[in-house]
Amino acid sequence: MGVETNWRDCMYDVKEMAKDLKEYFPEGSTAYTTVTKVAPSGMSRHIKVTKTRKGSEEILNWSYQIAKLLDMKYKDKTASIYIQGCGMDMGFHLIYDLSSELYGDGYAIKQRWI
């Protein structure tokens, strides 16, 4: 899940969420994406977005917070963001959208597959 599981049980203000995401994904940082499921048709997939905690090697899953910020579907079963489409790098697309939302620049956050 993300930094704290109780975020899902309460109203989490979008402005607060954006502030927290900016703290963990500052300009020039890297977001790590993983495909956790692909539909048999290949037309949709579930992608998990992770980042290490500052000053630690602990890996945090930010998929829920990012899905809510970008108004995308979150899938509990895979703890990932549901994305439709194919024929392009959907992990890059997801992080480009996140970066655009947070900084107004789609290239402010880098993306890498793991």
PDB file of N, CA and C in Angstrom:
ATOM      1  N   MET A   1       0.862  -1.169   0.000  1.00  0.00           N
ATOM      2  CA  MET A   1       0.000   0.000   0.000  1.00  0.00           C
ATOM      3  C   MET A   1       0.895   1.214   0.000  1.00  0.00           C
ATOM      4  N   GLY A   2       0.445   2.322   0.413  1.00  0.00           N
ATOM      5  CA  GLY A   2       1.229   3.550   0.412  1.00  0.00           C
ATOM      6  C   GLY A   2       1.923   3.762   1.733  1.00  0.00           C
ATOM      7  N   VAL A   3       2.130   4.985   2.061  1.00  0.00           N
ATOM      8  CA  VAL A   3       2.834   5.316   3.289  1.00  0.00           C
ATOM      9  C   VAL A   3       2.050   4.856   4.502  1.00  0.00           C
ATOM     10  N   GLU A   4       0.750   5.092   4.515  1.00  0.00           N
ATOM     11  CA  GLU A   4      -0.069   4.678   5.646  1.00  0.00           C
ATOM     12  C   GLU A   4      -1.376   4.108   5.126  1.00  0.00           C
ATOM     13  N   THR A   5      -1.752   2.931   5.614  1.00  0.00           N
ATOM     14  CA  THR A   5      -2.962   2.295   5.125  1.00  0.00           C
ATOM     15  C   THR A   5      -4.220   3.020   5.566  1.00  0.00           C
ATOM     16  N   ASN A   6      -4.172   3.793   6.659  1.00  0.00           N
ATOM     17  CA  ASN A   6      -5.378   4.480   7.113  1.00  0.00           C
ATOM     18  C   ASN A   6      -5.801   5.599   6.172  1.00  0.00           C
ATOM     19  N   TRP A   7      -4.971   5.978   5.199  1.00  0.00           N
ATOM     20  CA  TRP A   7      -5.356   6.984   4.219  1.00  0.00           C
ATOM     21  C   TRP A   7      -6.577   6.533   3.442  1.00  0.00           C
ATOM     22  N   ARG A   8      -6.704   5.254   3.237  1.00  0.00           N
ATOM     23  CA  ARG A   8      -7.818   4.741   2.450  1.00  0.00           C
ATOM     24  C   ARG A   8      -9.117   4.814   3.231  1.00  0.00           C
ATOM     25  N   ASP A   9      -9.036   4.887   4.549  1.00  0.00           N
ATOM     26  CA  ASP A   9     -10.230   4.873   5.382  1.00  0.00           C
ATOM     27  C   ASP A   9     -10.750   6.271   5.717  1.00  0.00           C
ATOM     28  N   CYS A  10     -10.047   7.304   5.302  1.00  0.00           N
ATOM     29  CA  CYS A  10     -10.473   8.652   5.630  1.00  0.00           C
ATOM     30  C   CYS A  10     -10.505   9.511   4.374  1.00  0.00           C
ATOM     31  N   MET A  11     -11.108  10.664   4.503  1.00  0.00           N
ATOM     32  CA  MET A  11     -11.123  11.606   3.394  1.00  0.00           C
ATOM     33  C   MET A  11      -9.734  12.226   3.312  1.00  0.00           C
ATOM     34  N   TYR A  12      -9.066  12.004   2.235  1.00  0.00           N
ATOM     35  CA  TYR A  12      -7.713  12.519   2.067  1.00  0.00           C
ATOM     36  C   TYR A  12      -7.779  13.611   1.030  1.00  0.00           C
ATOM     37  N   ASP A  13      -7.610  14.842   1.450  1.00  0.00           N
ATOM     38  CA  ASP A  13      -7.710  16.000   0.587  1.00  0.00           C
ATOM     39  C   ASP A  13      -6.708  15.904  -0.564  1.00  0.00           C
ATOM     40  N   VAL A  14      -7.161  16.224  -1.767  1.00  0.00           N
ATOM     41  CA  VAL A  14      -6.316  16.130  -2.958  1.00  0.00           C
ATOM     42  C   VAL A  14      -5.109  17.059  -2.855  1.00  0.00           C
ATOM     43  N   LYS A  15      -5.288  18.237  -2.279  1.00  0.00           N
ATOM     44  CA  LYS A  15      -4.168  19.168  -2.117  1.00  0.00           C
ATOM     45  C   LYS A  15      -3.110  18.588  -1.180  1.00  0.00           C
ATOM     46  N   GLU A  16      -3.575  17.950  -0.106  1.00  0.00           N
ATOM     47  CA  GLU A  16      -2.659  17.297   0.834  1.00  0.00           C
ATOM     48  C   GLU A  16      -1.932  16.156   0.148  1.00  0.00           C
ATOM     49  N   MET A  17      -2.687  15.390  -0.643  1.00  0.00           N
ATOM     50  CA  MET A  17      -2.119  14.255  -1.360  1.00  0.00           C
ATOM     51  C   MET A  17      -1.037  14.742  -2.330  1.00  0.00           C
ATOM     52  N   ALA A  18      -1.319  15.802  -3.064  1.00  0.00           N
ATOM     53  CA  ALA A  18      -0.341  16.355  -4.002  1.00  0.00           C
ATOM     54  C   ALA A  18       0.907  16.826  -3.261  1.00  0.00           C
ATOM     55  N   LYS A  19       0.716  17.443  -2.099  1.00  0.00           N
ATOM     56  CA  LYS A  19       1.850  17.911  -1.285  1.00  0.00           C
ATOM     57  C   LYS A  19       2.727  16.728  -0.863  1.00  0.00           C
ATOM     58  N   ASP A  20       2.100  15.654  -0.383  1.00  0.00           N
ATOM     59  CA  ASP A  20       2.855  14.468   0.026  1.00  0.00           C
ATOM     60  C   ASP A  20       3.565  13.828  -1.161  1.00  0.00           C
ATOM     61  N   LEU A  21       2.893  13.763  -2.307  1.00  0.00           N
ATOM     62  CA  LEU A  21       3.521  13.177  -3.492  1.00  0.00           C
ATOM     63  C   LEU A  21       4.703  14.018  -3.951  1.00  0.00           C
ATOM     64  N   LYS A  22       4.587  15.340  -3.864  1.00  0.00           N
ATOM     65  CA  LYS A  22       5.706  16.216  -4.229  1.00  0.00           C
ATOM     66  C   LYS A  22       6.899  15.996  -3.302  1.00  0.00           C
ATOM     67  N   GLU A  23       6.611  15.705  -2.035  1.00  0.00           N
ATOM     68  CA  GLU A  23       7.686  15.452  -1.075  1.00  0.00           C
ATOM     69  C   GLU A  23       8.452  14.177  -1.440  1.00  0.00           C
ATOM     70  N   TYR A  24       7.738  13.142  -1.826  1.00  0.00           N
ATOM     71  CA  TYR A  24       8.383  11.868  -2.159  1.00  0.00           C
ATOM     72  C   TYR A  24       8.848  11.782  -3.601  1.00  0.00           C
ATOM     73  N   PHE A  25       8.264  12.593  -4.471  1.00  0.00           N
ATOM     74  CA  PHE A  25       8.650  12.611  -5.880  1.00  0.00           C
ATOM     75  C   PHE A  25       9.044  14.035  -6.277  1.00  0.00           C
ATOM     76  N   PRO A  26      10.157  14.553  -5.738  1.00  0.00           N
ATOM     77  CA  PRO A  26      10.573  15.905  -6.117  1.00  0.00           C
ATOM     78  C   PRO A  26      11.019  15.927  -7.582  1.00  0.00           C
ATOM     79  N   GLU A  27      11.086  17.123  -8.139  1.00  0.00           N
ATOM     80  CA  GLU A  27      11.543  17.253  -9.521  1.00  0.00           C
ATOM     81  C   GLU A  27      12.920  16.604  -9.670  1.00  0.00           C
ATOM     82  N   GLY A  28      13.081  15.834 -10.743  1.00  0.00           N
ATOM     83  CA  GLY A  28      14.343  15.143 -11.000  1.00  0.00           C
ATOM     84  C   GLY A  28      14.432  13.765 -10.382  1.00  0.00           C
ATOM     85  N   SER A  29      13.458  13.389  -9.545  1.00  0.00           N
ATOM     86  CA  SER A  29      13.487  12.062  -8.922  1.00  0.00           C
ATOM     87  C   SER A  29      12.968  11.004  -9.908  1.00  0.00           C
ATOM     88  N   THR A  30      13.042   9.754  -9.498  1.00  0.00           N
ATOM     89  CA  THR A  30      12.621   8.650 -10.347  1.00  0.00           C
ATOM     90  C   THR A  30      11.506   7.866  -9.684  1.00  0.00           C
ATOM     91  N   ALA A  31      10.455   7.591 -10.443  1.00  0.00           N
ATOM     92  CA  ALA A  31       9.362   6.721 -10.000  1.00  0.00           C
ATOM     93  C   ALA A  31       9.575   5.362 -10.657  1.00  0.00           C
ATOM     94  N   TYR A  32       9.386   4.311  -9.902  1.00  0.00           N
ATOM     95  CA  TYR A  32       9.599   2.952 -10.416  1.00  0.00           C
ATOM     96  C   TYR A  32       8.252   2.289 -10.663  1.00  0.00           C
ATOM     97  N   THR A  33       8.078   1.743 -11.853  1.00  0.00           N
ATOM     98  CA  THR A  33       6.809   1.130 -12.235  1.00  0.00           C
ATOM     99  C   THR A  33       6.996  -0.358 -12.503  1.00  0.00           C
ATOM    100  N   THR A  34       5.943  -1.117 -12.193  1.00  0.00           N
ATOM    101  CA  THR A  34       5.928  -2.557 -12.405  1.00  0.00           C
ATOM    102  C   THR A  34       4.560  -2.951 -12.930  1.00  0.00           C
ATOM    103  N   VAL A  35       4.527  -3.745 -13.986  1.00  0.00           N
ATOM    104  CA  VAL A  35       3.251  -4.276 -14.464  1.00  0.00           C
ATOM    105  C   VAL A  35       2.919  -5.488 -13.599  1.00  0.00           C
ATOM    106  N   THR A  36       1.739  -5.457 -12.964  1.00  0.00           N
ATOM    107  CA  THR A  36       1.347  -6.568 -12.099  1.00  0.00           C
ATOM    108  C   THR A  36       0.319  -7.484 -12.754  1.00  0.00           C
ATOM    109  N   LYS A  37      -0.324  -6.990 -13.819  1.00  0.00           N
ATOM    110  CA  LYS A  37      -1.300  -7.821 -14.532  1.00  0.00           C
ATOM    111  C   LYS A  37      -1.550  -7.224 -15.908  1.00  0.00           C
ATOM    112  N   VAL A  38      -1.713  -8.097 -16.904  1.00  0.00           N
ATOM    113  CA  VAL A  38      -2.089  -7.678 -18.249  1.00  0.00           C
ATOM    114  C   VAL A  38      -3.328  -8.471 -18.639  1.00  0.00           C
ATOM    115  N   ALA A  39      -4.326  -7.789 -19.183  1.00  0.00           N
ATOM    116  CA  ALA A  39      -5.545  -8.467 -19.637  1.00  0.00           C
ATOM    117  C   ALA A  39      -5.202  -9.415 -20.779  1.00  0.00           C
ATOM    118  N   PRO A  40      -5.929 -10.519 -20.910  1.00  0.00           N
ATOM    119  CA  PRO A  40      -5.674 -11.460 -22.004  1.00  0.00           C
ATOM    120  C   PRO A  40      -5.690 -10.792 -23.383  1.00  0.00           C
ATOM    121  N   SER A  41      -6.504  -9.770 -23.543  1.00  0.00           N
ATOM    122  CA  SER A  41      -6.575  -9.062 -24.825  1.00  0.00           C
ATOM    123  C   SER A  41      -5.362  -8.150 -25.038  1.00  0.00           C
ATOM    124  N   GLY A  42      -4.637  -7.844 -23.958  1.00  0.00           N
ATOM    125  CA  GLY A  42      -3.512  -6.930 -24.033  1.00  0.00           C
ATOM    126  C   GLY A  42      -3.923  -5.467 -24.066  1.00  0.00           C
ATOM    127  N   MET A  43      -5.205  -5.194 -23.909  1.00  0.00           N
ATOM    128  CA  MET A  43      -5.714  -3.832 -24.031  1.00  0.00           C
ATOM    129  C   MET A  43      -5.748  -3.064 -22.709  1.00  0.00           C
ATOM    130  N   SER A  44      -5.427  -3.714 -21.598  1.00  0.00           N
ATOM    131  CA  SER A  44      -5.349  -3.020 -20.315  1.00  0.00           C
ATOM    132  C   SER A  44      -4.320  -3.715 -19.441  1.00  0.00           C
ATOM    133  N   ARG A  45      -3.891  -2.999 -18.437  1.00  0.00           N
ATOM    134  CA  ARG A  45      -2.900  -3.560 -17.513  1.00  0.00           C
ATOM    135  C   ARG A  45      -3.010  -2.878 -16.157  1.00  0.00           C
ATOM    136  N   HIS A  46      -2.434  -3.507 -15.158  1.00  0.00           N
ATOM    137  CA  HIS A  46      -2.347  -2.938 -13.820  1.00  0.00           C
ATOM    138  C   HIS A  46      -0.883  -2.572 -13.616  1.00  0.00           C
ATOM    139  N   ILE A  47      -0.635  -1.334 -13.192  1.00  0.00           N
ATOM    140  CA  ILE A  47       0.736  -0.866 -12.984  1.00  0.00           C
ATOM    141  C   ILE A  47       0.879  -0.340 -11.561  1.00  0.00           C
ATOM    142  N   LYS A  48       1.921  -0.804 -10.896  1.00  0.00           N
ATOM    143  CA  LYS A  48       2.241  -0.378  -9.530  1.00  0.00           C
ATOM    144  C   LYS A  48       3.348   0.674  -9.599  1.00  0.00           C
ATOM    145  N   VAL A  49       3.206   1.739  -8.808  1.00  0.00           N
ATOM    146  CA  VAL A  49       4.222   2.800  -8.749  1.00  0.00           C
ATOM    147  C   VAL A  49       4.843   2.781  -7.362  1.00  0.00           C
ATOM    148  N   THR A  50       6.172   2.627  -7.328  1.00  0.00           N
ATOM    149  CA  THR A  50       6.867   2.533  -6.038  1.00  0.00           C
ATOM    150  C   THR A  50       8.018   3.536  -5.971  1.00  0.00           C
ATOM    151  N   LYS A  51       8.441   3.766  -4.752  1.00  0.00           N
ATOM    152  CA  LYS A  51       9.560   4.670  -4.471  1.00  0.00           C
ATOM    153  C   LYS A  51      10.090   4.296  -3.102  1.00  0.00           C
ATOM    154  N   THR A  52      11.395   4.435  -2.888  1.00  0.00           N
ATOM    155  CA  THR A  52      11.950   4.142  -1.569  1.00  0.00           C
ATOM    156  C   THR A  52      11.680   5.305  -0.625  1.00  0.00           C
ATOM    157  N   ARG A  53      11.529   4.963   0.648  1.00  0.00           N
ATOM    158  CA  ARG A  53      11.344   5.981   1.686  1.00  0.00           C
ATOM    159  C   ARG A  53      12.661   6.747   1.837  1.00  0.00           C
ATOM    160  N   LYS A  54      12.553   8.046   2.064  1.00  0.00           N
ATOM    161  CA  LYS A  54      13.747   8.879   2.227  1.00  0.00           C
ATOM    162  C   LYS A  54      14.641   8.331   3.338  1.00  0.00           C
ATOM    163  N   GLY A  55      15.930   8.225   3.041  1.00  0.00           N
ATOM    164  CA  GLY A  55      16.897   7.785   4.036  1.00  0.00           C
ATOM    165  C   GLY A  55      16.750   6.330   4.437  1.00  0.00           C
ATOM    166  N   SER A  56      16.071   5.548   3.632  1.00  0.00           N
ATOM    167  CA  SER A  56      15.802   4.155   3.968  1.00  0.00           C
ATOM    168  C   SER A  56      15.761   3.328   2.687  1.00  0.00           C
ATOM    169  N   GLU A  57      15.806   2.027   2.847  1.00  0.00           N
ATOM    170  CA  GLU A  57      15.654   1.140   1.698  1.00  0.00           C
ATOM    171  C   GLU A  57      14.240   0.571   1.632  1.00  0.00           C
ATOM    172  N   GLU A  58      13.365   1.040   2.516  1.00  0.00           N
ATOM    173  CA  GLU A  58      11.986   0.576   2.523  1.00  0.00           C
ATOM    174  C   GLU A  58      11.273   1.052   1.252  1.00  0.00           C
ATOM    175  N   ILE A  59      10.624   0.132   0.551  1.00  0.00           N
ATOM    176  CA  ILE A  59       9.919   0.458  -0.687  1.00  0.00           C
ATOM    177  C   ILE A  59       8.450   0.713  -0.371  1.00  0.00           C
ATOM    178  N   LEU A  60       7.953   1.861  -0.849  1.00  0.00           N
ATOM    179  CA  LEU A  60       6.563   2.233  -0.614  1.00  0.00           C
ATOM    180  C   LEU A  60       5.793   2.189  -1.921  1.00  0.00           C
ATOM    181  N   ASN A  61       4.579   1.672  -1.858  1.00  0.00           N
ATOM    182  CA  ASN A  61       3.689   1.638  -3.016  1.00  0.00           C
ATOM    183  C   ASN A  61       2.803   2.877  -2.963  1.00  0.00           C
ATOM    184  N   TRP A  62       2.930   3.753  -3.949  1.00  0.00           N
ATOM    185  CA  TRP A  62       2.167   5.000  -4.020  1.00  0.00           C
ATOM    186  C   TRP A  62       1.004   4.902  -4.993  1.00  0.00           C
ATOM    187  N   SER A  63       0.688   3.735  -5.459  1.00  0.00           N
ATOM    188  CA  SER A  63      -0.331   3.561  -6.499  1.00  0.00           C
ATOM    189  C   SER A  63      -1.696   4.099  -6.091  1.00  0.00           C
ATOM    190  N   TYR A  64      -2.124   3.847  -4.879  1.00  0.00           N
ATOM    191  CA  TYR A  64      -3.445   4.306  -4.443  1.00  0.00           C
ATOM    192  C   TYR A  64      -3.535   5.829  -4.492  1.00  0.00           C
ATOM    193  N   GLN A  65      -2.543   6.499  -3.922  1.00  0.00           N
ATOM    194  CA  GLN A  65      -2.555   7.955  -3.876  1.00  0.00           C
ATOM    195  C   GLN A  65      -2.490   8.556  -5.284  1.00  0.00           C
ATOM    196  N   ILE A  66      -1.669   7.977  -6.144  1.00  0.00           N
ATOM    197  CA  ILE A  66      -1.546   8.475  -7.513  1.00  0.00           C
ATOM    198  C   ILE A  66      -2.842   8.256  -8.279  1.00  0.00           C
ATOM    199  N   ALA A  67      -3.463   7.088  -8.102  1.00  0.00           N
ATOM    200  CA  ALA A  67      -4.743   6.809  -8.777  1.00  0.00           C
ATOM    201  C   ALA A  67      -5.792   7.839  -8.369  1.00  0.00           C
ATOM    202  N   LYS A  68      -5.865   8.148  -7.090  1.00  0.00           N
ATOM    203  CA  LYS A  68      -6.849   9.120  -6.616  1.00  0.00           C
ATOM    204  C   LYS A  68      -6.544  10.526  -7.136  1.00  0.00           C
ATOM    205  N   LEU A  69      -5.282  10.910  -7.111  1.00  0.00           N
ATOM    206  CA  LEU A  69      -4.902  12.231  -7.597  1.00  0.00           C
ATOM    207  C   LEU A  69      -5.230  12.393  -9.084  1.00  0.00           C
ATOM    208  N   LEU A  70      -4.977  11.339  -9.868  1.00  0.00           N
ATOM    209  CA  LEU A  70      -5.194  11.403 -11.314  1.00  0.00           C
ATOM    210  C   LEU A  70      -6.588  10.936 -11.726  1.00  0.00           C
ATOM    211  N   ASP A  71      -7.438  10.627 -10.736  1.00  0.00           N
ATOM    212  CA  ASP A  71      -8.799  10.153 -10.993  1.00  0.00           C
ATOM    213  C   ASP A  71      -8.800   8.901 -11.874  1.00  0.00           C
ATOM    214  N   MET A  72      -7.972   7.939 -11.485  1.00  0.00           N
ATOM    215  CA  MET A  72      -7.874   6.658 -12.193  1.00  0.00           C
ATOM    216  C   MET A  72      -8.385   5.551 -11.274  1.00  0.00           C
ATOM    217  N   LYS A  73      -8.620   4.382 -11.842  1.00  0.00           N
ATOM    218  CA  LYS A  73      -9.095   3.249 -11.048  1.00  0.00           C
ATOM    219  C   LYS A  73      -7.932   2.577 -10.337  1.00  0.00           C
ATOM    220  N   TYR A  74      -8.173   2.237  -9.066  1.00  0.00           N
ATOM    221  CA  TYR A  74      -7.200   1.504  -8.259  1.00  0.00           C
ATOM    222  C   TYR A  74      -7.733   0.091  -8.054  1.00  0.00           C
ATOM    223  N   LYS A  75      -6.875  -0.901  -8.228  1.00  0.00           N
ATOM    224  CA  LYS A  75      -7.271  -2.300  -8.067  1.00  0.00           C
ATOM    225  C   LYS A  75      -6.641  -2.878  -6.805  1.00  0.00           C
ATOM    226  N   ASP A  76      -7.505  -3.184  -5.817  1.00  0.00           N
ATOM    227  CA  ASP A  76      -7.025  -3.740  -4.547  1.00  0.00           C
ATOM    228  C   ASP A  76      -6.282  -5.057  -4.718  1.00  0.00           C
ATOM    229  N   LYS A  77      -6.795  -5.898  -5.592  1.00  0.00           N
ATOM    230  CA  LYS A  77      -6.242  -7.248  -5.738  1.00  0.00           C
ATOM    231  C   LYS A  77      -4.754  -7.229  -6.113  1.00  0.00           C
ATOM    232  N   THR A  78      -4.362  -6.266  -6.928  1.00  0.00           N
ATOM    233  CA  THR A  78      -2.965  -6.178  -7.340  1.00  0.00           C
ATOM    234  C   THR A  78      -2.255  -4.963  -6.746  1.00  0.00           C
ATOM    235  N   ALA A  79      -2.982  -4.168  -5.953  1.00  0.00           N
ATOM    236  CA  ALA A  79      -2.441  -2.934  -5.347  1.00  0.00           C
ATOM    237  C   ALA A  79      -1.802  -2.060  -6.421  1.00  0.00           C
ATOM    238  N   SER A  80      -2.535  -1.922  -7.533  1.00  0.00           N
ATOM    239  CA  SER A  80      -2.012  -1.226  -8.702  1.00  0.00           C
ATOM    240  C   SER A  80      -3.058  -0.315  -9.325  1.00  0.00           C
ATOM    241  N   ILE A  81      -2.606   0.483 -10.275  1.00  0.00           N
ATOM    242  CA  ILE A  81      -3.477   1.380 -11.025  1.00  0.00           C
ATOM    243  C   ILE A  81      -3.900   0.676 -12.309  1.00  0.00           C
ATOM    244  N   TYR A  82      -5.194   0.720 -12.594  1.00  0.00           N
ATOM    245  CA  TYR A  82      -5.746   0.111 -13.807  1.00  0.00           C
ATOM    246  C   TYR A  82      -5.615   1.113 -14.950  1.00  0.00           C
ATOM    247  N   ILE A  83      -4.963   0.664 -16.027  1.00  0.00           N
ATOM    248  CA  ILE A  83      -4.752   1.545 -17.179  1.00  0.00           C
ATOM    249  C   ILE A  83      -5.192   0.820 -18.444  1.00  0.00           C
ATOM    250  N   GLN A  84      -6.002   1.498 -19.238  1.00  0.00           N
ATOM    251  CA  GLN A  84      -6.427   0.943 -20.517  1.00  0.00           C
ATOM    252  C   GLN A  84      -5.556   1.512 -21.620  1.00  0.00           C
ATOM    253  N   GLY A  85      -5.332   0.706 -22.628  1.00  0.00           N
ATOM    254  CA  GLY A  85      -4.578   1.155 -23.789  1.00  0.00           C
ATOM    255  C   GLY A  85      -3.372   0.276 -24.036  1.00  0.00           C
ATOM    256  N   CYS A  86      -2.842   0.394 -25.226  1.00  0.00           N
ATOM    257  CA  CYS A  86      -1.662  -0.367 -25.603  1.00  0.00           C
ATOM    258  C   CYS A  86      -0.982   0.367 -26.749  1.00  0.00           C
ATOM    259  N   GLY A  87       0.156  -0.133 -27.170  1.00  0.00           N
ATOM    260  CA  GLY A  87       0.861   0.465 -28.286  1.00  0.00           C
ATOM    261  C   GLY A  87       1.790   1.596 -27.890  1.00  0.00           C
ATOM    262  N   MET A  88       1.889   1.844 -26.591  1.00  0.00           N
ATOM    263  CA  MET A  88       2.837   2.844 -26.098  1.00  0.00           C
ATOM    264  C   MET A  88       3.305   2.425 -24.711  1.00  0.00           C
ATOM    265  N   ASP A  89       4.288   3.089 -24.197  1.00  0.00           N
ATOM    266  CA  ASP A  89       4.823   2.784 -22.873  1.00  0.00           C
ATOM    267  C   ASP A  89       3.867   3.350 -21.830  1.00  0.00           C
ATOM    268  N   MET A  90       3.016   2.503 -21.273  1.00  0.00           N
ATOM    269  CA  MET A  90       1.979   2.962 -20.349  1.00  0.00           C
ATOM    270  C   MET A  90       2.565   3.388 -18.998  1.00  0.00           C
ATOM    271  N   GLY A  91       3.702   2.842 -18.606  1.00  0.00           N
ATOM    272  CA  GLY A  91       4.364   3.290 -17.379  1.00  0.00           C
ATOM    273  C   GLY A  91       4.855   4.721 -17.533  1.00  0.00           C
ATOM    274  N   PHE A  92       5.464   5.005 -18.678  1.00  0.00           N
ATOM    275  CA  PHE A  92       5.898   6.375 -18.966  1.00  0.00           C
ATOM    276  C   PHE A  92       4.683   7.308 -18.988  1.00  0.00           C
ATOM    277  N   HIS A  93       3.622   6.876 -19.643  1.00  0.00           N
ATOM    278  CA  HIS A  93       2.398   7.677 -19.734  1.00  0.00           C
ATOM    279  C   HIS A  93       1.861   8.020 -18.339  1.00  0.00           C
ATOM    280  N   LEU A  94       1.835   7.032 -17.455  1.00  0.00           N
ATOM    281  CA  LEU A  94       1.339   7.237 -16.097  1.00  0.00           C
ATOM    282  C   LEU A  94       2.182   8.262 -15.340  1.00  0.00           C
ATOM    283  N   ILE A  95       3.497   8.123 -15.396  1.00  0.00           N
ATOM    284  CA  ILE A  95       4.380   9.035 -14.675  1.00  0.00           C
ATOM    285  C   ILE A  95       4.399  10.413 -15.343  1.00  0.00           C
ATOM    286  N   TYR A  96       4.264  10.469 -16.651  1.00  0.00           N
ATOM    287  CA  TYR A  96       4.151  11.750 -17.356  1.00  0.00           C
ATOM    288  C   TYR A  96       2.919  12.516 -16.861  1.00  0.00           C
ATOM    289  N   ASP A  97       1.787  11.787 -16.733  1.00  0.00           N
ATOM    290  CA  ASP A  97       0.564  12.416 -16.227  1.00  0.00           C
ATOM    291  C   ASP A  97       0.731  12.887 -14.785  1.00  0.00           C
ATOM    292  N   LEU A  98       1.360  12.060 -13.945  1.00  0.00           N
ATOM    293  CA  LEU A  98       1.615  12.439 -12.554  1.00  0.00           C
ATOM    294  C   LEU A  98       2.487  13.693 -12.495  1.00  0.00           C
ATOM    295  N   SER A  99       3.562  13.685 -13.253  1.00  0.00           N
ATOM    296  CA  SER A  99       4.484  14.813 -13.275  1.00  0.00           C
ATOM    297  C   SER A  99       3.805  16.082 -13.781  1.00  0.00           C
ATOM    298  N   SER A 100       2.967  15.946 -14.783  1.00  0.00           N
ATOM    299  CA  SER A 100       2.223  17.098 -15.308  1.00  0.00           C
ATOM    300  C   SER A 100       1.278  17.667 -14.261  1.00  0.00           C
ATOM    301  N   GLU A 101       0.619  16.776 -13.526  1.00  0.00           N
ATOM    302  CA  GLU A 101      -0.320  17.206 -12.485  1.00  0.00           C
ATOM    303  C   GLU A 101       0.401  17.926 -11.341  1.00  0.00           C
ATOM    304  N   LEU A 102       1.545  17.385 -10.935  1.00  0.00           N
ATOM    305  CA  LEU A 102       2.266  17.944  -9.797  1.00  0.00           C
ATOM    306  C   LEU A 102       3.069  19.195 -10.140  1.00  0.00           C
ATOM    307  N   TYR A 103       3.703  19.206 -11.321  1.00  0.00           N
ATOM    308  CA  TYR A 103       4.650  20.265 -11.646  1.00  0.00           C
ATOM    309  C   TYR A 103       4.340  21.049 -12.918  1.00  0.00           C
ATOM    310  N   GLY A 104       3.328  20.630 -13.663  1.00  0.00           N
ATOM    311  CA  GLY A 104       3.044  21.305 -14.926  1.00  0.00           C
ATOM    312  C   GLY A 104       4.063  20.987 -16.001  1.00  0.00           C
ATOM    313  N   ASP A 105       4.889  19.970 -15.758  1.00  0.00           N
ATOM    314  CA  ASP A 105       5.931  19.536 -16.691  1.00  0.00           C
ATOM    315  C   ASP A 105       5.965  18.012 -16.669  1.00  0.00           C
ATOM    316  N   GLY A 106       5.592  17.384 -17.760  1.00  0.00           N
ATOM    317  CA  GLY A 106       5.527  15.935 -17.820  1.00  0.00           C
ATOM    318  C   GLY A 106       6.860  15.228 -17.657  1.00  0.00           C
ATOM    319  N   TYR A 107       7.947  15.973 -17.786  1.00  0.00           N
ATOM    320  CA  TYR A 107       9.281  15.367 -17.688  1.00  0.00           C
ATOM    321  C   TYR A 107       9.975  15.669 -16.363  1.00  0.00           C
ATOM    322  N   ALA A 108       9.285  16.260 -15.404  1.00  0.00           N
ATOM    323  CA  ALA A 108       9.901  16.621 -14.119  1.00  0.00           C
ATOM    324  C   ALA A 108      10.250  15.395 -13.280  1.00  0.00           C
ATOM    325  N   ILE A 109       9.494  14.306 -13.439  1.00  0.00           N
ATOM    326  CA  ILE A 109       9.772  13.047 -12.730  1.00  0.00           C
ATOM    327  C   ILE A 109      10.171  12.008 -13.770  1.00  0.00           C
ATOM    328  N   LYS A 110      11.244  11.292 -13.505  1.00  0.00           N
ATOM    329  CA  LYS A 110      11.695  10.235 -14.425  1.00  0.00           C
ATOM    330  C   LYS A 110      10.957   8.939 -14.098  1.00  0.00           C
ATOM    331  N   GLN A 111      10.929   8.043 -15.055  1.00  0.00           N
ATOM    332  CA  GLN A 111      10.270   6.747 -14.870  1.00  0.00           C
ATOM    333  C   GLN A 111      11.231   5.632 -15.253  1.00  0.00           C
ATOM    334  N   ARG A 112      11.240   4.573 -14.426  1.00  0.00           N
ATOM    335  CA  ARG A 112      12.029   3.368 -14.739  1.00  0.00           C
ATOM    336  C   ARG A 112      11.192   2.149 -14.418  1.00  0.00           C
ATOM    337  N   TRP A 113      11.351   1.119 -15.231  1.00  0.00           N
ATOM    338  CA  TRP A 113      10.658  -0.159 -14.997  1.00  0.00           C
ATOM    339  C   TRP A 113      11.499  -1.032 -14.063  1.00  0.00           C
ATOM    340  N   ILE A 114      10.813  -1.746 -13.183  1.00  0.00           N
ATOM    341  CA  ILE A 114      11.495  -2.761 -12.367  1.00  0.00           C
ATOM    342  C   ILE A 114      10.725  -4.055 -12.485  1.00  0.00           C
TER     343      ILE A 114
END
